[in-house]
Structures are given as C-alpha cells and as structure tokens.
Amino acid sequence: MDSKKIFRIVSAIIGGEIALIIFATIAQEVLFNGISYTTSSFSEIVFGGLATFIAAILAGVVARLIIHGKINLVPLGISVLITLEMTYLIITDKTGDPIWFDILAGGSLIAGVWLGFNYPRFLSKNKTTSVESSSS
C-alpha cells in the first residue's frame, strides 16, 4: 500500500470521526439538550437516538466522500474509535447510564457509520446479484 493511499485512509477515518463528533453533538446536545437514560424522557431517548443514528449515517457518508471509494478500513477504523470511547465511558462510569444503554448507543453509531459509508450500494439502480450476473 502506497503512502498516498494510507494518507487518504487516515484522513477519511479522522474526517469521519470529526463529522461524527460534530453531528452527534448537534443531535444530542443542541436538539435535545443531552440524552441520558436516567434524565431524558422516553420520547427524547427515541427521537434523540434516531437523530444520533442519522448523525452516524452522515458521518459515514462524509468518510466515504473523503476516501472516494470503498475501502472498509475506513468504517472499521471509525468503529474501533467508537468502541474505544464507549469502553472508556463505561469503565470510568462517565455517563451514569446502564451499560446496556451505552452499548446500544455505541452499536447504533457503528451501524450508522457502516450504513452511511456504504450509501452508494443502496442508491445503485443496478440491483443485480452475483448469482444473476454470473448466470447471464
């Protein structure tokens, strides 16, 4: 792997993570004044969670636009960063929320990043599968 490709991968991981931080902050802190299992209402948790999931999708799109292609090291790198942060928050009890809630929140971020990163696959008009194309 050449140094230019490595630089693009690292840039996409960092750019996607920065986008995630910005979009998730807007979703959680600006729109809902913070989301917490212990202090938020049920509707705030549902809609704040949905807004945060959309923020993760947008971060995945940003990462994909930076890398200009499908290199799965990018969403994998962002997923590792999310996992490390989630683990830190759980171990240090920074959120005060139940562990299952923090794990679900982190998992939804990871799923959203992967969905956003793979957005061209969902927008493709050519929906043939490998079985259909190989039998032609």
C-alpha atoms as a PDB file:
ATOM      1  CA  MET A   1       0.000   0.000   0.000  1.00  0.00           C
ATOM      2  CA  ASP A   2       1.493   3.320  -1.031  1.00  0.00           C
ATOM      3  CA  SER A   3       1.814   6.314   1.283  1.00  0.00           C
ATOM      4  CA  LYS A   4      -0.792   8.339  -0.637  1.00  0.00           C
ATOM      5  CA  LYS A   5      -3.430   5.650  -0.086  1.00  0.00           C
ATOM      6  CA  ILE A   6      -2.523   5.358   3.607  1.00  0.00           C
ATOM      7  CA  PHE A   7      -2.841   9.139   3.961  1.00  0.00           C
ATOM      8  CA  ARG A   8      -6.295   9.050   2.311  1.00  0.00           C
ATOM      9  CA  ILE A   9      -7.437   6.227   4.605  1.00  0.00           C
ATOM     10  CA  VAL A  10      -6.217   8.002   7.745  1.00  0.00           C
ATOM     11  CA  SER A  11      -7.746  11.285   6.530  1.00  0.00           C
ATOM     12  CA  ALA A  12     -11.102   9.581   5.926  1.00  0.00           C
ATOM     13  CA  ILE A  13     -11.045   7.964   9.387  1.00  0.00           C
ATOM     14  CA  ILE A  14     -10.193  11.263  11.083  1.00  0.00           C
ATOM     15  CA  GLY A  15     -12.640  13.235   8.941  1.00  0.00           C
ATOM     16  CA  GLY A  16     -15.418  10.715   9.588  1.00  0.00           C
ATOM     17  CA  GLU A  17     -14.736  10.784  13.324  1.00  0.00           C
ATOM     18  CA  ILE A  18     -14.747  14.585  13.407  1.00  0.00           C
ATOM     19  CA  ALA A  19     -18.004  14.604  11.431  1.00  0.00           C
ATOM     20  CA  LEU A  20     -19.466  12.085  13.891  1.00  0.00           C
ATOM     21  CA  ILE A  21     -18.489  14.247  16.855  1.00  0.00           C
ATOM     22  CA  ILE A  22     -19.996  17.373  15.279  1.00  0.00           C
ATOM     23  CA  PHE A  23     -23.216  15.730  14.028  1.00  0.00           C
ATOM     24  CA  ALA A  24     -23.765  13.715  17.224  1.00  0.00           C
ATOM     25  CA  THR A  25     -23.200  16.811  19.347  1.00  0.00           C
ATOM     26  CA  ILE A  26     -25.805  18.677  17.323  1.00  0.00           C
ATOM     27  CA  ALA A  27     -28.210  15.729  17.562  1.00  0.00           C
ATOM     28  CA  GLN A  28     -27.780  15.137  21.288  1.00  0.00           C
ATOM     29  CA  GLU A  29     -26.802  18.443  22.858  1.00  0.00           C
ATOM     30  CA  VAL A  30     -28.315  21.098  20.594  1.00  0.00           C
ATOM     31  CA  LEU A  31     -31.555  19.431  19.518  1.00  0.00           C
ATOM     32  CA  PHE A  32     -32.249  17.561  22.770  1.00  0.00           C
ATOM     33  CA  ASN A  33     -30.135  19.264  25.451  1.00  0.00           C
ATOM     34  CA  GLY A  34     -28.382  15.972  26.220  1.00  0.00           C
ATOM     35  CA  ILE A  35     -29.620  12.391  26.059  1.00  0.00           C
ATOM     36  CA  SER A  36     -29.411  10.157  29.113  1.00  0.00           C
ATOM     37  CA  TYR A  37     -31.289   7.068  30.196  1.00  0.00           C
ATOM     38  CA  THR A  38     -31.605   8.467  33.701  1.00  0.00           C
ATOM     39  CA  THR A  39     -32.696  12.042  32.911  1.00  0.00           C
ATOM     40  CA  SER A  40     -34.328  12.030  29.456  1.00  0.00           C
ATOM     41  CA  SER A  41     -37.960  11.261  28.721  1.00  0.00           C
ATOM     42  CA  PHE A  42     -38.867   8.234  26.621  1.00  0.00           C
ATOM     43  CA  SER A  43     -39.616  10.403  23.581  1.00  0.00           C
ATOM     44  CA  GLU A  44     -36.298  12.254  23.975  1.00  0.00           C
ATOM     45  CA  ILE A  45     -34.463   8.934  24.062  1.00  0.00           C
ATOM     46  CA  VAL A  46     -36.307   7.657  20.974  1.00  0.00           C
ATOM     47  CA  PHE A  47     -36.012  10.812  18.867  1.00  0.00           C
ATOM     48  CA  GLY A  48     -32.557  11.697  20.201  1.00  0.00           C
ATOM     49  CA  GLY A  49     -31.406   8.171  19.421  1.00  0.00           C
ATOM     50  CA  LEU A  50     -32.838   8.444  15.915  1.00  0.00           C
ATOM     51  CA  ALA A  51     -31.144  11.827  15.402  1.00  0.00           C
ATOM     52  CA  THR A  52     -27.856  10.368  16.648  1.00  0.00           C
ATOM     53  CA  PHE A  53     -28.209   7.372  14.309  1.00  0.00           C
ATOM     54  CA  ILE A  54     -28.777   9.766  11.403  1.00  0.00           C
ATOM     55  CA  ALA A  55     -25.700  11.721  12.547  1.00  0.00           C
ATOM     56  CA  ALA A  56     -23.665   8.493  12.342  1.00  0.00           C
ATOM     57  CA  ILE A  57     -25.005   7.794   8.846  1.00  0.00           C
ATOM     58  CA  LEU A  58     -23.966  11.292   7.764  1.00  0.00           C
ATOM     59  CA  ALA A  59     -20.503  10.756   9.274  1.00  0.00           C
ATOM     60  CA  GLY A  60     -20.158   7.561   7.243  1.00  0.00           C
ATOM     61  CA  VAL A  61     -21.121   9.476   4.097  1.00  0.00           C
ATOM     62  CA  VAL A  62     -18.505  12.130   4.881  1.00  0.00           C
ATOM     63  CA  ALA A  63     -15.836   9.438   5.334  1.00  0.00           C
ATOM     64  CA  ARG A  64     -16.829   7.831   2.013  1.00  0.00           C
ATOM     65  CA  LEU A  65     -16.640  11.184   0.230  1.00  0.00           C
ATOM     66  CA  ILE A  66     -13.155  11.775   1.640  1.00  0.00           C
ATOM     67  CA  ILE A  67     -11.796   8.383   0.555  1.00  0.00           C
ATOM     68  CA  HIS A  68     -13.574   8.369  -2.844  1.00  0.00           C
ATOM     69  CA  GLY A  69     -14.113   4.628  -2.813  1.00  0.00           C
ATOM     70  CA  LYS A  70     -14.989   1.568  -0.813  1.00  0.00           C
ATOM     71  CA  ILE A  71     -12.079   0.792   1.472  1.00  0.00           C
ATOM     72  CA  ASN A  72     -13.549  -0.964   4.509  1.00  0.00           C
ATOM     73  CA  LEU A  73     -10.573   0.016   6.664  1.00  0.00           C
ATOM     74  CA  VAL A  74     -12.234   3.437   6.988  1.00  0.00           C
ATOM     75  CA  PRO A  75     -15.507   2.450   8.719  1.00  0.00           C
ATOM     76  CA  LEU A  76     -13.562  -0.224  10.598  1.00  0.00           C
ATOM     77  CA  GLY A  77     -11.184   2.436  11.943  1.00  0.00           C
ATOM     78  CA  ILE A  78     -14.079   4.673  12.968  1.00  0.00           C
ATOM     79  CA  SER A  79     -15.763   1.667  14.602  1.00  0.00           C
ATOM     80  CA  VAL A  80     -12.618   0.977  16.627  1.00  0.00           C
ATOM     81  CA  LEU A  81     -12.562   4.612  17.792  1.00  0.00           C
ATOM     82  CA  ILE A  82     -16.246   4.414  18.794  1.00  0.00           C
ATOM     83  CA  THR A  83     -15.596   1.160  20.661  1.00  0.00           C
ATOM     84  CA  LEU A  84     -12.601   2.623  22.494  1.00  0.00           C
ATOM     85  CA  GLU A  85     -14.572   5.698  23.537  1.00  0.00           C
ATOM     86  CA  MET A  86     -17.566   3.604  24.590  1.00  0.00           C
ATOM     87  CA  THR A  87     -15.312   1.306  26.630  1.00  0.00           C
ATOM     88  CA  TYR A  88     -13.663   4.290  28.311  1.00  0.00           C
ATOM     89  CA  LEU A  89     -17.032   5.836  29.182  1.00  0.00           C
ATOM     90  CA  ILE A  90     -18.317   2.545  30.615  1.00  0.00           C
ATOM     91  CA  ILE A  91     -15.170   1.747  32.615  1.00  0.00           C
ATOM     92  CA  THR A  92     -14.968   5.239  34.097  1.00  0.00           C
ATOM     93  CA  ASP A  93     -18.758   5.465  34.590  1.00  0.00           C
ATOM     94  CA  LYS A  94     -18.790   8.881  32.881  1.00  0.00           C
ATOM     95  CA  THR A  95     -22.358   8.561  31.566  1.00  0.00           C
ATOM     96  CA  GLY A  96     -24.127   7.246  34.650  1.00  0.00           C
ATOM     97  CA  ASP A  97     -26.349   5.208  32.332  1.00  0.00           C
ATOM     98  CA  PRO A  98     -26.793   1.419  32.400  1.00  0.00           C
ATOM     99  CA  ILE A  99     -24.104  -0.477  30.488  1.00  0.00           C
ATOM    100  CA  TRP A 100     -26.656  -1.968  28.078  1.00  0.00           C
ATOM    101  CA  PHE A 101     -27.806   1.557  27.161  1.00  0.00           C
ATOM    102  CA  ASP A 102     -24.246   2.715  26.429  1.00  0.00           C
ATOM    103  CA  ILE A 103     -23.546  -0.432  24.392  1.00  0.00           C
ATOM    104  CA  LEU A 104     -26.723   0.047  22.359  1.00  0.00           C
ATOM    105  CA  ALA A 105     -25.818   3.691  21.767  1.00  0.00           C
ATOM    106  CA  GLY A 106     -22.304   2.779  20.613  1.00  0.00           C
ATOM    107  CA  GLY A 107     -23.629  -0.072  18.490  1.00  0.00           C
ATOM    108  CA  SER A 108     -26.091   2.226  16.749  1.00  0.00           C
ATOM    109  CA  LEU A 109     -23.244   4.639  15.970  1.00  0.00           C
ATOM    110  CA  ILE A 110     -21.197   1.824  14.459  1.00  0.00           C
ATOM    111  CA  ALA A 111     -24.163   0.563  12.403  1.00  0.00           C
ATOM    112  CA  GLY A 112     -24.919   4.097  11.212  1.00  0.00           C
ATOM    113  CA  VAL A 113     -21.323   4.734  10.129  1.00  0.00           C
ATOM    114  CA  TRP A 114     -21.260   1.485   8.122  1.00  0.00           C
ATOM    115  CA  LEU A 115     -24.629   2.262   6.514  1.00  0.00           C
ATOM    116  CA  GLY A 116     -23.550   5.775   5.603  1.00  0.00           C
ATOM    117  CA  PHE A 117     -20.201   4.608   4.282  1.00  0.00           C
ATOM    118  CA  ASN A 118     -21.927   2.096   2.015  1.00  0.00           C
ATOM    119  CA  TYR A 119     -24.598   4.526   0.775  1.00  0.00           C
ATOM    120  CA  PRO A 120     -23.733   4.071  -2.954  1.00  0.00           C
ATOM    121  CA  ARG A 121     -24.763   0.435  -2.628  1.00  0.00           C
ATOM    122  CA  PHE A 122     -28.247   1.484  -1.530  1.00  0.00           C
ATOM    123  CA  LEU A 123     -28.614   4.131  -4.243  1.00  0.00           C
ATOM    124  CA  SER A 124     -27.466   1.902  -7.083  1.00  0.00           C
ATOM    125  CA  LYS A 125     -30.078   1.403  -9.800  1.00  0.00           C
ATOM    126  CA  ASN A 126     -28.374  -1.822 -10.856  1.00  0.00           C
ATOM    127  CA  LYS A 127     -29.574  -4.263  -8.184  1.00  0.00           C
ATOM    128  CA  THR A 128     -28.277  -7.468  -9.776  1.00  0.00           C
ATOM    129  CA  THR A 129     -26.715 -10.021  -7.516  1.00  0.00           C
ATOM    130  CA  SER A 130     -23.630 -12.052  -8.283  1.00  0.00           C
ATOM    131  CA  VAL A 131     -25.837 -15.107  -8.993  1.00  0.00           C
ATOM    132  CA  GLU A 132     -27.920 -13.187 -11.521  1.00  0.00           C
ATOM    133  CA  SER A 133     -24.922 -11.655 -13.257  1.00  0.00           C
ATOM    134  CA  SER A 134     -22.982 -14.931 -13.391  1.00  0.00           C
ATOM    135  CA  SER A 135     -25.870 -16.842 -14.968  1.00  0.00           C
ATOM    136  CA  SER A 136     -26.183 -14.357 -17.862  1.00  0.00           C
END
